[in-house]
Amino acid sequence: TIVVPAGFTRDNLPAGVCFIGRPYDDGNLI
C-alpha cells in the first residue's frame, strides 16, 4: 500500500489517497 497527499480539508488539515494492490505489485503502486 502507498499513500500520497490528496490536498486539504476545509479545516486546512492534510488528507490522502491510498493505492492498494496485489501481493508484490509494489512497482505498479509506485
mmCIF file of all heavy atoms, coordinates in Angstrom:
data_MODEL
# 
_entry.id   MODEL 
# 
loop_
_atom_site.group_PDB 
_atom_site.id 
_atom_site.type_symbol 
_atom_site.label_atom_id 
_atom_site.label_alt_id 
_atom_site.label_comp_id 
_atom_site.label_asym_id 
_atom_site.label_entity_id 
_atom_site.label_seq_id 
_atom_site.pdbx_PDB_ins_code 
_atom_site.Cartn_x 
_atom_site.Cartn_y 
_atom_site.Cartn_z 
_atom_site.occupancy 
_atom_site.B_iso_or_equiv 
_atom_site.pdbx_formal_charge 
_atom_site.auth_seq_id 
_atom_site.auth_comp_id 
_atom_site.auth_asym_id 
_atom_site.auth_atom_id 
_atom_site.pdbx_PDB_model_num 
ATOM 1   N N   . THR A 1 1  ? 0.841   -1.198  0.000   1.00 0.00 ? 1  THR A N   1 
ATOM 2   C CA  . THR A 1 1  ? 0.000   0.000   0.000   1.00 0.00 ? 1  THR A CA  1 
ATOM 3   C C   . THR A 1 1  ? 0.869   1.238   0.000   1.00 0.00 ? 1  THR A C   1 
ATOM 4   O O   . THR A 1 1  ? 1.876   1.286   0.703   1.00 0.00 ? 1  THR A O   1 
ATOM 5   C CB  . THR A 1 1  ? -0.882  0.064   1.260   1.00 0.00 ? 1  THR A CB  1 
ATOM 6   O OG1 . THR A 1 1  ? -1.595  -1.140  1.402   1.00 0.00 ? 1  THR A OG1 1 
ATOM 7   C CG2 . THR A 1 1  ? -1.895  1.175   1.165   1.00 0.00 ? 1  THR A CG2 1 
ATOM 8   N N   . ILE A 1 2  ? 0.431   2.246   -0.742  1.00 0.00 ? 2  ILE A N   1 
ATOM 9   C CA  . ILE A 1 2  ? 1.141   3.534   -0.736  1.00 0.00 ? 2  ILE A CA  1 
ATOM 10  C C   . ILE A 1 2  ? 0.121   4.654   -0.582  1.00 0.00 ? 2  ILE A C   1 
ATOM 11  O O   . ILE A 1 2  ? -0.970  4.587   -1.149  1.00 0.00 ? 2  ILE A O   1 
ATOM 12  C CB  . ILE A 1 2  ? 1.984   3.700   -2.025  1.00 0.00 ? 2  ILE A CB  1 
ATOM 13  C CG1 . ILE A 1 2  ? 2.857   4.956   -1.960  1.00 0.00 ? 2  ILE A CG1 1 
ATOM 14  C CG2 . ILE A 1 2  ? 1.131   3.677   -3.280  1.00 0.00 ? 2  ILE A CG2 1 
ATOM 15  C CD1 . ILE A 1 2  ? 3.936   5.010   -3.054  1.00 0.00 ? 2  ILE A CD1 1 
ATOM 16  N N   . VAL A 1 3  ? 0.459   5.644   0.234   1.00 0.00 ? 3  VAL A N   1 
ATOM 17  C CA  . VAL A 1 3  ? -0.406  6.822   0.365   1.00 0.00 ? 3  VAL A CA  1 
ATOM 18  C C   . VAL A 1 3  ? 0.324   8.044   -0.178  1.00 0.00 ? 3  VAL A C   1 
ATOM 19  O O   . VAL A 1 3  ? 1.551   8.132   -0.125  1.00 0.00 ? 3  VAL A O   1 
ATOM 20  C CB  . VAL A 1 3  ? -0.849  7.101   1.824   1.00 0.00 ? 3  VAL A CB  1 
ATOM 21  C CG1 . VAL A 1 3  ? -1.704  5.975   2.365   1.00 0.00 ? 3  VAL A CG1 1 
ATOM 22  C CG2 . VAL A 1 3  ? 0.331   7.379   2.745   1.00 0.00 ? 3  VAL A CG2 1 
ATOM 23  N N   . VAL A 1 4  ? -0.483  8.968   -0.689  1.00 0.00 ? 4  VAL A N   1 
ATOM 24  C CA  . VAL A 1 4  ? 0.079   10.180  -1.281  1.00 0.00 ? 4  VAL A CA  1 
ATOM 25  C C   . VAL A 1 4  ? -0.869  11.339  -0.942  1.00 0.00 ? 4  VAL A C   1 
ATOM 26  O O   . VAL A 1 4  ? -2.077  11.123  -0.794  1.00 0.00 ? 4  VAL A O   1 
ATOM 27  C CB  . VAL A 1 4  ? 0.292   9.933   -2.801  1.00 0.00 ? 4  VAL A CB  1 
ATOM 28  C CG1 . VAL A 1 4  ? -0.991  9.826   -3.547  1.00 0.00 ? 4  VAL A CG1 1 
ATOM 29  C CG2 . VAL A 1 4  ? 1.204   10.929  -3.426  1.00 0.00 ? 4  VAL A CG2 1 
ATOM 30  N N   . PRO A 1 5  ? -0.345  12.556  -0.729  1.00 0.00 ? 5  PRO A N   1 
ATOM 31  C CA  . PRO A 1 5  ? -1.233  13.670  -0.370  1.00 0.00 ? 5  PRO A CA  1 
ATOM 32  C C   . PRO A 1 5  ? -2.318  13.910  -1.417  1.00 0.00 ? 5  PRO A C   1 
ATOM 33  O O   . PRO A 1 5  ? -2.068  13.853  -2.622  1.00 0.00 ? 5  PRO A O   1 
ATOM 34  C CB  . PRO A 1 5  ? -0.280  14.868  -0.284  1.00 0.00 ? 5  PRO A CB  1 
ATOM 35  C CG  . PRO A 1 5  ? 1.052   14.278  0.044   1.00 0.00 ? 5  PRO A CG  1 
ATOM 36  C CD  . PRO A 1 5  ? 1.081   12.972  -0.691  1.00 0.00 ? 5  PRO A CD  1 
ATOM 37  N N   . ALA A 1 6  ? -3.552  14.179  -0.927  1.00 0.00 ? 6  ALA A N   1 
ATOM 38  C CA  . ALA A 1 6  ? -4.685  14.445  -1.825  1.00 0.00 ? 6  ALA A CA  1 
ATOM 39  C C   . ALA A 1 6  ? -5.249  15.845  -1.581  1.00 0.00 ? 6  ALA A C   1 
ATOM 40  O O   . ALA A 1 6  ? -6.340  16.159  -2.039  1.00 0.00 ? 6  ALA A O   1 
ATOM 41  C CB  . ALA A 1 6  ? -5.766  13.387  -1.617  1.00 0.00 ? 6  ALA A CB  1 
ATOM 42  N N   . GLY A 1 7  ? -4.508  16.663  -0.829  1.00 0.00 ? 7  GLY A N   1 
ATOM 43  C CA  . GLY A 1 7  ? -4.981  18.017  -0.570  1.00 0.00 ? 7  GLY A CA  1 
ATOM 44  C C   . GLY A 1 7  ? -5.379  18.201  0.886   1.00 0.00 ? 7  GLY A C   1 
ATOM 45  O O   . GLY A 1 7  ? -4.965  17.434  1.765   1.00 0.00 ? 7  GLY A O   1 
ATOM 46  N N   . PHE A 1 8  ? -6.195  19.222  1.120   1.00 0.00 ? 8  PHE A N   1 
ATOM 47  C CA  . PHE A 1 8  ? -6.531  19.618  2.487   1.00 0.00 ? 8  PHE A CA  1 
ATOM 48  C C   . PHE A 1 8  ? -8.036  19.702  2.667   1.00 0.00 ? 8  PHE A C   1 
ATOM 49  O O   . PHE A 1 8  ? -8.766  20.035  1.730   1.00 0.00 ? 8  PHE A O   1 
ATOM 50  C CB  . PHE A 1 8  ? -5.885  20.978  2.804   1.00 0.00 ? 8  PHE A CB  1 
ATOM 51  C CG  . PHE A 1 8  ? -4.380  20.904  2.858   1.00 0.00 ? 8  PHE A CG  1 
ATOM 52  C CD1 . PHE A 1 8  ? -3.619  20.925  1.696   1.00 0.00 ? 8  PHE A CD1 1 
ATOM 53  C CD2 . PHE A 1 8  ? -3.709  20.785  4.075   1.00 0.00 ? 8  PHE A CD2 1 
ATOM 54  C CE1 . PHE A 1 8  ? -2.235  20.829  1.735   1.00 0.00 ? 8  PHE A CE1 1 
ATOM 55  C CE2 . PHE A 1 8  ? -2.326  20.688  4.118   1.00 0.00 ? 8  PHE A CE2 1 
ATOM 56  C CZ  . PHE A 1 8  ? -1.587  20.719  2.953   1.00 0.00 ? 8  PHE A CZ  1 
ATOM 57  N N   . THR A 1 9  ? -8.494  19.412  3.865   1.00 0.00 ? 9  THR A N   1 
ATOM 58  C CA  . THR A 1 9  ? -9.918  19.538  4.183   1.00 0.00 ? 9  THR A CA  1 
ATOM 59  C C   . THR A 1 9  ? -10.255 21.019  4.345   1.00 0.00 ? 9  THR A C   1 
ATOM 60  O O   . THR A 1 9  ? -9.372  21.871  4.367   1.00 0.00 ? 9  THR A O   1 
ATOM 61  C CB  . THR A 1 9  ? -10.244 18.824  5.505   1.00 0.00 ? 9  THR A CB  1 
ATOM 62  O OG1 . THR A 1 9  ? -9.559  19.508  6.577   1.00 0.00 ? 9  THR A OG1 1 
ATOM 63  C CG2 . THR A 1 9  ? -9.820  17.364  5.482   1.00 0.00 ? 9  THR A CG2 1 
ATOM 64  N N   . ARG A 1 10 ? -11.523 21.310  4.543   1.00 0.00 ? 10 ARG A N   1 
ATOM 65  C CA  . ARG A 1 10 ? -11.882 22.726  4.715   1.00 0.00 ? 10 ARG A CA  1 
ATOM 66  C C   . ARG A 1 10 ? -11.400 23.286  6.056   1.00 0.00 ? 10 ARG A C   1 
ATOM 67  O O   . ARG A 1 10 ? -11.414 24.494  6.265   1.00 0.00 ? 10 ARG A O   1 
ATOM 68  C CB  . ARG A 1 10 ? -13.374 22.968  4.492   1.00 0.00 ? 10 ARG A CB  1 
ATOM 69  C CG  . ARG A 1 10 ? -14.341 22.139  5.310   1.00 0.00 ? 10 ARG A CG  1 
ATOM 70  C CD  . ARG A 1 10 ? -15.779 22.499  4.879   1.00 0.00 ? 10 ARG A CD  1 
ATOM 71  N NE  . ARG A 1 10 ? -16.765 21.935  5.780   1.00 0.00 ? 10 ARG A NE  1 
ATOM 72  C CZ  . ARG A 1 10 ? -17.388 20.787  5.585   1.00 0.00 ? 10 ARG A CZ  1 
ATOM 73  N NH1 . ARG A 1 10 ? -17.111 20.076  4.497   1.00 0.00 ? 10 ARG A NH1 1 
ATOM 74  N NH2 . ARG A 1 10 ? -18.276 20.344  6.444   1.00 0.00 ? 10 ARG A NH2 1 
ATOM 75  N N   . ASP A 1 11 ? -10.904 22.413  6.955   1.00 0.00 ? 11 ASP A N   1 
ATOM 76  C CA  . ASP A 1 11 ? -10.243 22.877  8.182   1.00 0.00 ? 11 ASP A CA  1 
ATOM 77  C C   . ASP A 1 11 ? -8.746  23.084  7.949   1.00 0.00 ? 11 ASP A C   1 
ATOM 78  O O   . ASP A 1 11 ? -7.988  23.297  8.883   1.00 0.00 ? 11 ASP A O   1 
ATOM 79  C CB  . ASP A 1 11 ? -10.429 21.861  9.327   1.00 0.00 ? 11 ASP A CB  1 
ATOM 80  C CG  . ASP A 1 11 ? -11.878 21.770  9.776   1.00 0.00 ? 11 ASP A CG  1 
ATOM 81  O OD1 . ASP A 1 11 ? -12.634 22.720  9.508   1.00 0.00 ? 11 ASP A OD1 1 
ATOM 82  O OD2 . ASP A 1 11 ? -12.251 20.751  10.392  1.00 0.00 ? 11 ASP A OD2 1 
ATOM 83  N N   . ASN A 1 12 ? -8.333  22.921  6.689   1.00 0.00 ? 12 ASN A N   1 
ATOM 84  C CA  . ASN A 1 12 ? -6.918  23.090  6.315   1.00 0.00 ? 12 ASN A CA  1 
ATOM 85  C C   . ASN A 1 12 ? -6.012  22.028  6.928   1.00 0.00 ? 12 ASN A C   1 
ATOM 86  O O   . ASN A 1 12 ? -4.878  22.301  7.318   1.00 0.00 ? 12 ASN A O   1 
ATOM 87  C CB  . ASN A 1 12 ? -6.443  24.498  6.701   1.00 0.00 ? 12 ASN A CB  1 
ATOM 88  C CG  . ASN A 1 12 ? -5.547  25.069  5.610   1.00 0.00 ? 12 ASN A CG  1 
ATOM 89  O OD1 . ASN A 1 12 ? -5.524  24.542  4.488   1.00 0.00 ? 12 ASN A OD1 1 
ATOM 90  N ND2 . ASN A 1 12 ? -4.793  26.091  5.926   1.00 0.00 ? 12 ASN A ND2 1 
ATOM 91  N N   . LEU A 1 13 ? -6.534  20.812  7.002   1.00 0.00 ? 13 LEU A N   1 
ATOM 92  C CA  . LEU A 1 13 ? -5.756  19.676  7.518   1.00 0.00 ? 13 LEU A CA  1 
ATOM 93  C C   . LEU A 1 13 ? -5.520  18.686  6.381   1.00 0.00 ? 13 LEU A C   1 
ATOM 94  O O   . LEU A 1 13 ? -6.387  18.500  5.519   1.00 0.00 ? 13 LEU A O   1 
ATOM 95  C CB  . LEU A 1 13 ? -6.510  19.002  8.669   1.00 0.00 ? 13 LEU A CB  1 
ATOM 96  C CG  . LEU A 1 13 ? -6.655  19.879  9.924   1.00 0.00 ? 13 LEU A CG  1 
ATOM 97  C CD1 . LEU A 1 13 ? -7.713  19.308  10.856  1.00 0.00 ? 13 LEU A CD1 1 
ATOM 98  C CD2 . LEU A 1 13 ? -5.321  20.018  10.651  1.00 0.00 ? 13 LEU A CD2 1 
ATOM 99  N N   . PRO A 1 14 ? -4.335  18.035  6.370   1.00 0.00 ? 14 PRO A N   1 
ATOM 100 C CA  . PRO A 1 14 ? -3.998  17.159  5.239   1.00 0.00 ? 14 PRO A CA  1 
ATOM 101 C C   . PRO A 1 14 ? -4.869  15.905  5.173   1.00 0.00 ? 14 PRO A C   1 
ATOM 102 O O   . PRO A 1 14 ? -5.257  15.345  6.208   1.00 0.00 ? 14 PRO A O   1 
ATOM 103 C CB  . PRO A 1 14 ? -2.541  16.758  5.521   1.00 0.00 ? 14 PRO A CB  1 
ATOM 104 C CG  . PRO A 1 14 ? -2.057  17.646  6.610   1.00 0.00 ? 14 PRO A CG  1 
ATOM 105 C CD  . PRO A 1 14 ? -3.254  18.116  7.364   1.00 0.00 ? 14 PRO A CD  1 
ATOM 106 N N   . ALA A 1 15 ? -5.169  15.494  3.952   1.00 0.00 ? 15 ALA A N   1 
ATOM 107 C CA  . ALA A 1 15 ? -5.847  14.217  3.709   1.00 0.00 ? 15 ALA A CA  1 
ATOM 108 C C   . ALA A 1 15 ? -5.094  13.511  2.588   1.00 0.00 ? 15 ALA A C   1 
ATOM 109 O O   . ALA A 1 15 ? -4.327  14.138  1.861   1.00 0.00 ? 15 ALA A O   1 
ATOM 110 C CB  . ALA A 1 15 ? -7.305  14.449  3.328   1.00 0.00 ? 15 ALA A CB  1 
ATOM 111 N N   . GLY A 1 16 ? -5.323  12.206  2.457   1.00 0.00 ? 16 GLY A N   1 
ATOM 112 C CA  . GLY A 1 16 ? -4.551  11.456  1.460   1.00 0.00 ? 16 GLY A CA  1 
ATOM 113 C C   . GLY A 1 16 ? -5.379  10.420  0.744   1.00 0.00 ? 16 GLY A C   1 
ATOM 114 O O   . GLY A 1 16 ? -6.510  10.117  1.133   1.00 0.00 ? 16 GLY A O   1 
ATOM 115 N N   . VAL A 1 17 ? -4.789  9.884   -0.294  1.00 0.00 ? 17 VAL A N   1 
ATOM 116 C CA  . VAL A 1 17 ? -5.427  8.812   -1.044  1.00 0.00 ? 17 VAL A CA  1 
ATOM 117 C C   . VAL A 1 17 ? -4.498  7.598   -0.999  1.00 0.00 ? 17 VAL A C   1 
ATOM 118 O O   . VAL A 1 17 ? -3.279  7.731   -0.960  1.00 0.00 ? 17 VAL A O   1 
ATOM 119 C CB  . VAL A 1 17 ? -5.749  9.286   -2.486  1.00 0.00 ? 17 VAL A CB  1 
ATOM 120 C CG1 . VAL A 1 17 ? -4.504  9.497   -3.306  1.00 0.00 ? 17 VAL A CG1 1 
ATOM 121 C CG2 . VAL A 1 17 ? -6.690  8.334   -3.173  1.00 0.00 ? 17 VAL A CG2 1 
ATOM 122 N N   . CYS A 1 18 ? -5.107  6.417   -0.953  1.00 0.00 ? 18 CYS A N   1 
ATOM 123 C CA  . CYS A 1 18 ? -4.358  5.180   -0.732  1.00 0.00 ? 18 CYS A CA  1 
ATOM 124 C C   . CYS A 1 18 ? -4.555  4.231   -1.916  1.00 0.00 ? 18 CYS A C   1 
ATOM 125 O O   . CYS A 1 18 ? -5.687  3.984   -2.327  1.00 0.00 ? 18 CYS A O   1 
ATOM 126 C CB  . CYS A 1 18 ? -4.924  4.541   0.534   1.00 0.00 ? 18 CYS A CB  1 
ATOM 127 S SG  . CYS A 1 18 ? -3.983  3.158   1.116   1.00 0.00 ? 18 CYS A SG  1 
ATOM 128 N N   . PHE A 1 19 ? -3.440  3.729   -2.452  1.00 0.00 ? 19 PHE A N   1 
ATOM 129 C CA  . PHE A 1 19 ? -3.490  2.715   -3.516  1.00 0.00 ? 19 PHE A CA  1 
ATOM 130 C C   . PHE A 1 19 ? -3.073  1.384   -2.910  1.00 0.00 ? 19 PHE A C   1 
ATOM 131 O O   . PHE A 1 19 ? -2.037  1.300   -2.239  1.00 0.00 ? 19 PHE A O   1 
ATOM 132 C CB  . PHE A 1 19 ? -2.508  3.062   -4.641  1.00 0.00 ? 19 PHE A CB  1 
ATOM 133 C CG  . PHE A 1 19 ? -2.797  4.358   -5.349  1.00 0.00 ? 19 PHE A CG  1 
ATOM 134 C CD1 . PHE A 1 19 ? -2.316  5.557   -4.841  1.00 0.00 ? 19 PHE A CD1 1 
ATOM 135 C CD2 . PHE A 1 19 ? -3.551  4.380   -6.528  1.00 0.00 ? 19 PHE A CD2 1 
ATOM 136 C CE1 . PHE A 1 19 ? -2.566  6.765   -5.490  1.00 0.00 ? 19 PHE A CE1 1 
ATOM 137 C CE2 . PHE A 1 19 ? -3.806  5.578   -7.178  1.00 0.00 ? 19 PHE A CE2 1 
ATOM 138 C CZ  . PHE A 1 19 ? -3.323  6.775   -6.662  1.00 0.00 ? 19 PHE A CZ  1 
ATOM 139 N N   . ILE A 1 20 ? -3.874  0.356   -3.123  1.00 0.00 ? 20 ILE A N   1 
ATOM 140 C CA  . ILE A 1 20 ? -3.546  -0.977  -2.594  1.00 0.00 ? 20 ILE A CA  1 
ATOM 141 C C   . ILE A 1 20 ? -3.664  -1.967  -3.750  1.00 0.00 ? 20 ILE A C   1 
ATOM 142 O O   . ILE A 1 20 ? -4.538  -1.820  -4.612  1.00 0.00 ? 20 ILE A O   1 
ATOM 143 C CB  . ILE A 1 20 ? -4.479  -1.325  -1.398  1.00 0.00 ? 20 ILE A CB  1 
ATOM 144 C CG1 . ILE A 1 20 ? -4.154  -2.698  -0.814  1.00 0.00 ? 20 ILE A CG1 1 
ATOM 145 C CG2 . ILE A 1 20 ? -5.956  -1.254  -1.758  1.00 0.00 ? 20 ILE A CG2 1 
ATOM 146 C CD1 . ILE A 1 20 ? -4.835  -2.965  0.539   1.00 0.00 ? 20 ILE A CD1 1 
ATOM 147 N N   . GLY A 1 21 ? -2.755  -2.949  -3.790  1.00 0.00 ? 21 GLY A N   1 
ATOM 148 C CA  . GLY A 1 21 ? -2.748  -3.838  -4.954  1.00 0.00 ? 21 GLY A CA  1 
ATOM 149 C C   . GLY A 1 21 ? -2.425  -5.283  -4.621  1.00 0.00 ? 21 GLY A C   1 
ATOM 150 O O   . GLY A 1 21 ? -2.349  -5.671  -3.458  1.00 0.00 ? 21 GLY A O   1 
ATOM 151 N N   . ARG A 1 22 ? -2.192  -6.058  -5.651  1.00 0.00 ? 22 ARG A N   1 
ATOM 152 C CA  . ARG A 1 22 ? -1.894  -7.483  -5.484  1.00 0.00 ? 22 ARG A CA  1 
ATOM 153 C C   . ARG A 1 22 ? -0.557  -7.685  -4.786  1.00 0.00 ? 22 ARG A C   1 
ATOM 154 O O   . ARG A 1 22 ? 0.324   -6.818  -4.859  1.00 0.00 ? 22 ARG A O   1 
ATOM 155 C CB  . ARG A 1 22 ? -1.845  -8.168  -6.856  1.00 0.00 ? 22 ARG A CB  1 
ATOM 156 C CG  . ARG A 1 22 ? -3.181  -8.256  -7.540  1.00 0.00 ? 22 ARG A CG  1 
ATOM 157 C CD  . ARG A 1 22 ? -3.092  -9.005  -8.864  1.00 0.00 ? 22 ARG A CD  1 
ATOM 158 N NE  . ARG A 1 22 ? -4.416  -9.104  -9.470  1.00 0.00 ? 22 ARG A NE  1 
ATOM 159 C CZ  . ARG A 1 22 ? -4.979  -8.140  -10.189 1.00 0.00 ? 22 ARG A CZ  1 
ATOM 160 N NH1 . ARG A 1 22 ? -4.312  -7.021  -10.435 1.00 0.00 ? 22 ARG A NH1 1 
ATOM 161 N NH2 . ARG A 1 22 ? -6.183  -8.301  -10.691 1.00 0.00 ? 22 ARG A NH2 1 
ATOM 162 N N   . PRO A 1 23 ? -0.365  -8.843  -4.153  1.00 0.00 ? 23 PRO A N   1 
ATOM 163 C CA  . PRO A 1 23 ? 0.913   -9.119  -3.499  1.00 0.00 ? 23 PRO A CA  1 
ATOM 164 C C   . PRO A 1 23 ? 2.088   -8.883  -4.444  1.00 0.00 ? 23 PRO A C   1 
ATOM 165 O O   . PRO A 1 23 ? 2.063   -9.296  -5.616  1.00 0.00 ? 23 PRO A O   1 
ATOM 166 C CB  . PRO A 1 23 ? 0.808   -10.602 -3.122  1.00 0.00 ? 23 PRO A CB  1 
ATOM 167 C CG  . PRO A 1 23 ? -0.658  -10.828 -2.921  1.00 0.00 ? 23 PRO A CG  1 
ATOM 168 C CD  . PRO A 1 23 ? -1.332  -9.952  -3.945  1.00 0.00 ? 23 PRO A CD  1 
ATOM 169 N N   . TYR A 1 24 ? 3.083   -8.178  -3.949  1.00 0.00 ? 24 TYR A N   1 
ATOM 170 C CA  . TYR A 1 24 ? 4.351   -7.906  -4.646  1.00 0.00 ? 24 TYR A CA  1 
ATOM 171 C C   . TYR A 1 24 ? 4.196   -7.101  -5.936  1.00 0.00 ? 24 TYR A C   1 
ATOM 172 O O   . TYR A 1 24 ? 5.080   -7.106  -6.788  1.00 0.00 ? 24 TYR A O   1 
ATOM 173 C CB  . TYR A 1 24 ? 5.136   -9.217  -4.884  1.00 0.00 ? 24 TYR A CB  1 
ATOM 174 C CG  . TYR A 1 24 ? 5.505   -9.847  -3.570  1.00 0.00 ? 24 TYR A CG  1 
ATOM 175 C CD1 . TYR A 1 24 ? 4.855   -10.981 -3.100  1.00 0.00 ? 24 TYR A CD1 1 
ATOM 176 C CD2 . TYR A 1 24 ? 6.482   -9.265  -2.760  1.00 0.00 ? 24 TYR A CD2 1 
ATOM 177 C CE1 . TYR A 1 24 ? 5.168   -11.526 -1.863  1.00 0.00 ? 24 TYR A CE1 1 
ATOM 178 C CE2 . TYR A 1 24 ? 6.791   -9.798  -1.515  1.00 0.00 ? 24 TYR A CE2 1 
ATOM 179 C CZ  . TYR A 1 24 ? 6.125   -10.927 -1.067  1.00 0.00 ? 24 TYR A CZ  1 
ATOM 180 O OH  . TYR A 1 24 ? 6.424   -11.445 0.160   1.00 0.00 ? 24 TYR A OH  1 
ATOM 181 N N   . ASP A 1 25 ? 3.065   -6.375  -6.038  1.00 0.00 ? 25 ASP A N   1 
ATOM 182 C CA  . ASP A 1 25 ? 2.923   -5.483  -7.187  1.00 0.00 ? 25 ASP A CA  1 
ATOM 183 C C   . ASP A 1 25 ? 3.325   -4.050  -6.783  1.00 0.00 ? 25 ASP A C   1 
ATOM 184 O O   . ASP A 1 25 ? 2.721   -3.068  -7.210  1.00 0.00 ? 25 ASP A O   1 
ATOM 185 C CB  . ASP A 1 25 ? 1.479   -5.516  -7.714  1.00 0.00 ? 25 ASP A CB  1 
ATOM 186 C CG  . ASP A 1 25 ? 1.371   -5.001  -9.149  1.00 0.00 ? 25 ASP A CG  1 
ATOM 187 O OD1 . ASP A 1 25 ? 2.417   -4.946  -9.840  1.00 0.00 ? 25 ASP A OD1 1 
ATOM 188 O OD2 . ASP A 1 25 ? 0.260   -4.635  -9.569  1.00 0.00 ? 25 ASP A OD2 1 
ATOM 189 N N   . ASP A 1 26 ? 4.361   -3.964  -5.963  1.00 0.00 ? 26 ASP A N   1 
ATOM 190 C CA  . ASP A 1 26 ? 4.798   -2.682  -5.386  1.00 0.00 ? 26 ASP A CA  1 
ATOM 191 C C   . ASP A 1 26 ? 5.144   -1.648  -6.463  1.00 0.00 ? 26 ASP A C   1 
ATOM 192 O O   . ASP A 1 26 ? 4.826   -0.464  -6.320  1.00 0.00 ? 26 ASP A O   1 
ATOM 193 C CB  . ASP A 1 26 ? 6.014   -2.903  -4.478  1.00 0.00 ? 26 ASP A CB  1 
ATOM 194 C CG  . ASP A 1 26 ? 5.701   -3.851  -3.332  1.00 0.00 ? 26 ASP A CG  1 
ATOM 195 O OD1 . ASP A 1 26 ? 5.423   -5.045  -3.587  1.00 0.00 ? 26 ASP A OD1 1 
ATOM 196 O OD2 . ASP A 1 26 ? 5.724   -3.413  -2.181  1.00 0.00 ? 26 ASP A OD2 1 
ATOM 197 N N   . GLY A 1 27 ? 5.799   -2.102  -7.533  1.00 0.00 ? 27 GLY A N   1 
ATOM 198 C CA  . GLY A 1 27 ? 6.236   -1.179  -8.576  1.00 0.00 ? 27 GLY A CA  1 
ATOM 199 C C   . GLY A 1 27 ? 5.074   -0.435  -9.219  1.00 0.00 ? 27 GLY A C   1 
ATOM 200 O O   . GLY A 1 27 ? 5.137   0.783   -9.424  1.00 0.00 ? 27 GLY A O   1 
ATOM 201 N N   . ASN A 1 28 ? 3.998   -1.167  -9.514  1.00 0.00 ? 28 ASN A N   1 
ATOM 202 C CA  . ASN A 1 28 ? 2.850   -0.507  -10.149 1.00 0.00 ? 28 ASN A CA  1 
ATOM 203 C C   . ASN A 1 28 ? 2.158   0.475   -9.217  1.00 0.00 ? 28 ASN A C   1 
ATOM 204 O O   . ASN A 1 28 ? 1.675   1.522   -9.654  1.00 0.00 ? 28 ASN A O   1 
ATOM 205 C CB  . ASN A 1 28 ? 1.859   -1.543  -10.693 1.00 0.00 ? 28 ASN A CB  1 
ATOM 206 C CG  . ASN A 1 28 ? 2.304   -2.049  -12.052 1.00 0.00 ? 28 ASN A CG  1 
ATOM 207 O OD1 . ASN A 1 28 ? 2.752   -1.273  -12.898 1.00 0.00 ? 28 ASN A OD1 1 
ATOM 208 N ND2 . ASN A 1 28 ? 2.223   -3.352  -12.264 1.00 0.00 ? 28 ASN A ND2 1 
ATOM 209 N N   . LEU A 1 29 ? 2.130   0.163   -7.932  1.00 0.00 ? 29 LEU A N   1 
ATOM 210 C CA  . LEU A 1 29 ? 1.534   1.114   -6.981  1.00 0.00 ? 29 LEU A CA  1 
ATOM 211 C C   . LEU A 1 29 ? 2.348   2.406   -6.936  1.00 0.00 ? 29 LEU A C   1 
ATOM 212 O O   . LEU A 1 29 ? 1.796   3.503   -6.858  1.00 0.00 ? 29 LEU A O   1 
ATOM 213 C CB  . LEU A 1 29 ? 1.433   0.505   -5.580  1.00 0.00 ? 29 LEU A CB  1 
ATOM 214 C CG  . LEU A 1 29 ? 0.445   -0.648  -5.404  1.00 0.00 ? 29 LEU A CG  1 
ATOM 215 C CD1 . LEU A 1 29 ? 0.165   -0.878  -3.926  1.00 0.00 ? 29 LEU A CD1 1 
ATOM 216 C CD2 . LEU A 1 29 ? -0.866  -0.407  -6.129  1.00 0.00 ? 29 LEU A CD2 1 
ATOM 217 N N   . ILE A 1 30 ? 3.671   2.257   -6.989  1.00 0.00 ? 30 ILE A N   1 
ATOM 218 C CA  . ILE A 1 30 ? 4.543   3.438   -7.040  1.00 0.00 ? 30 ILE A CA  1 
ATOM 219 C C   . ILE A 1 30 ? 4.231   4.247   -8.306  1.00 0.00 ? 30 ILE A C   1 
ATOM 220 O O   . ILE A 1 30 ? 4.154   5.476   -8.273  1.00 0.00 ? 30 ILE A O   1 
ATOM 221 C CB  . ILE A 1 30 ? 6.028   3.016   -6.954  1.00 0.00 ? 30 ILE A CB  1 
ATOM 222 C CG1 . ILE A 1 30 ? 6.370   2.633   -5.508  1.00 0.00 ? 30 ILE A CG1 1 
ATOM 223 C CG2 . ILE A 1 30 ? 6.959   4.125   -7.460  1.00 0.00 ? 30 ILE A CG2 1 
ATOM 224 C CD1 . ILE A 1 30 ? 7.737   2.016   -5.297  1.00 0.00 ? 30 ILE A CD1 1 
# 
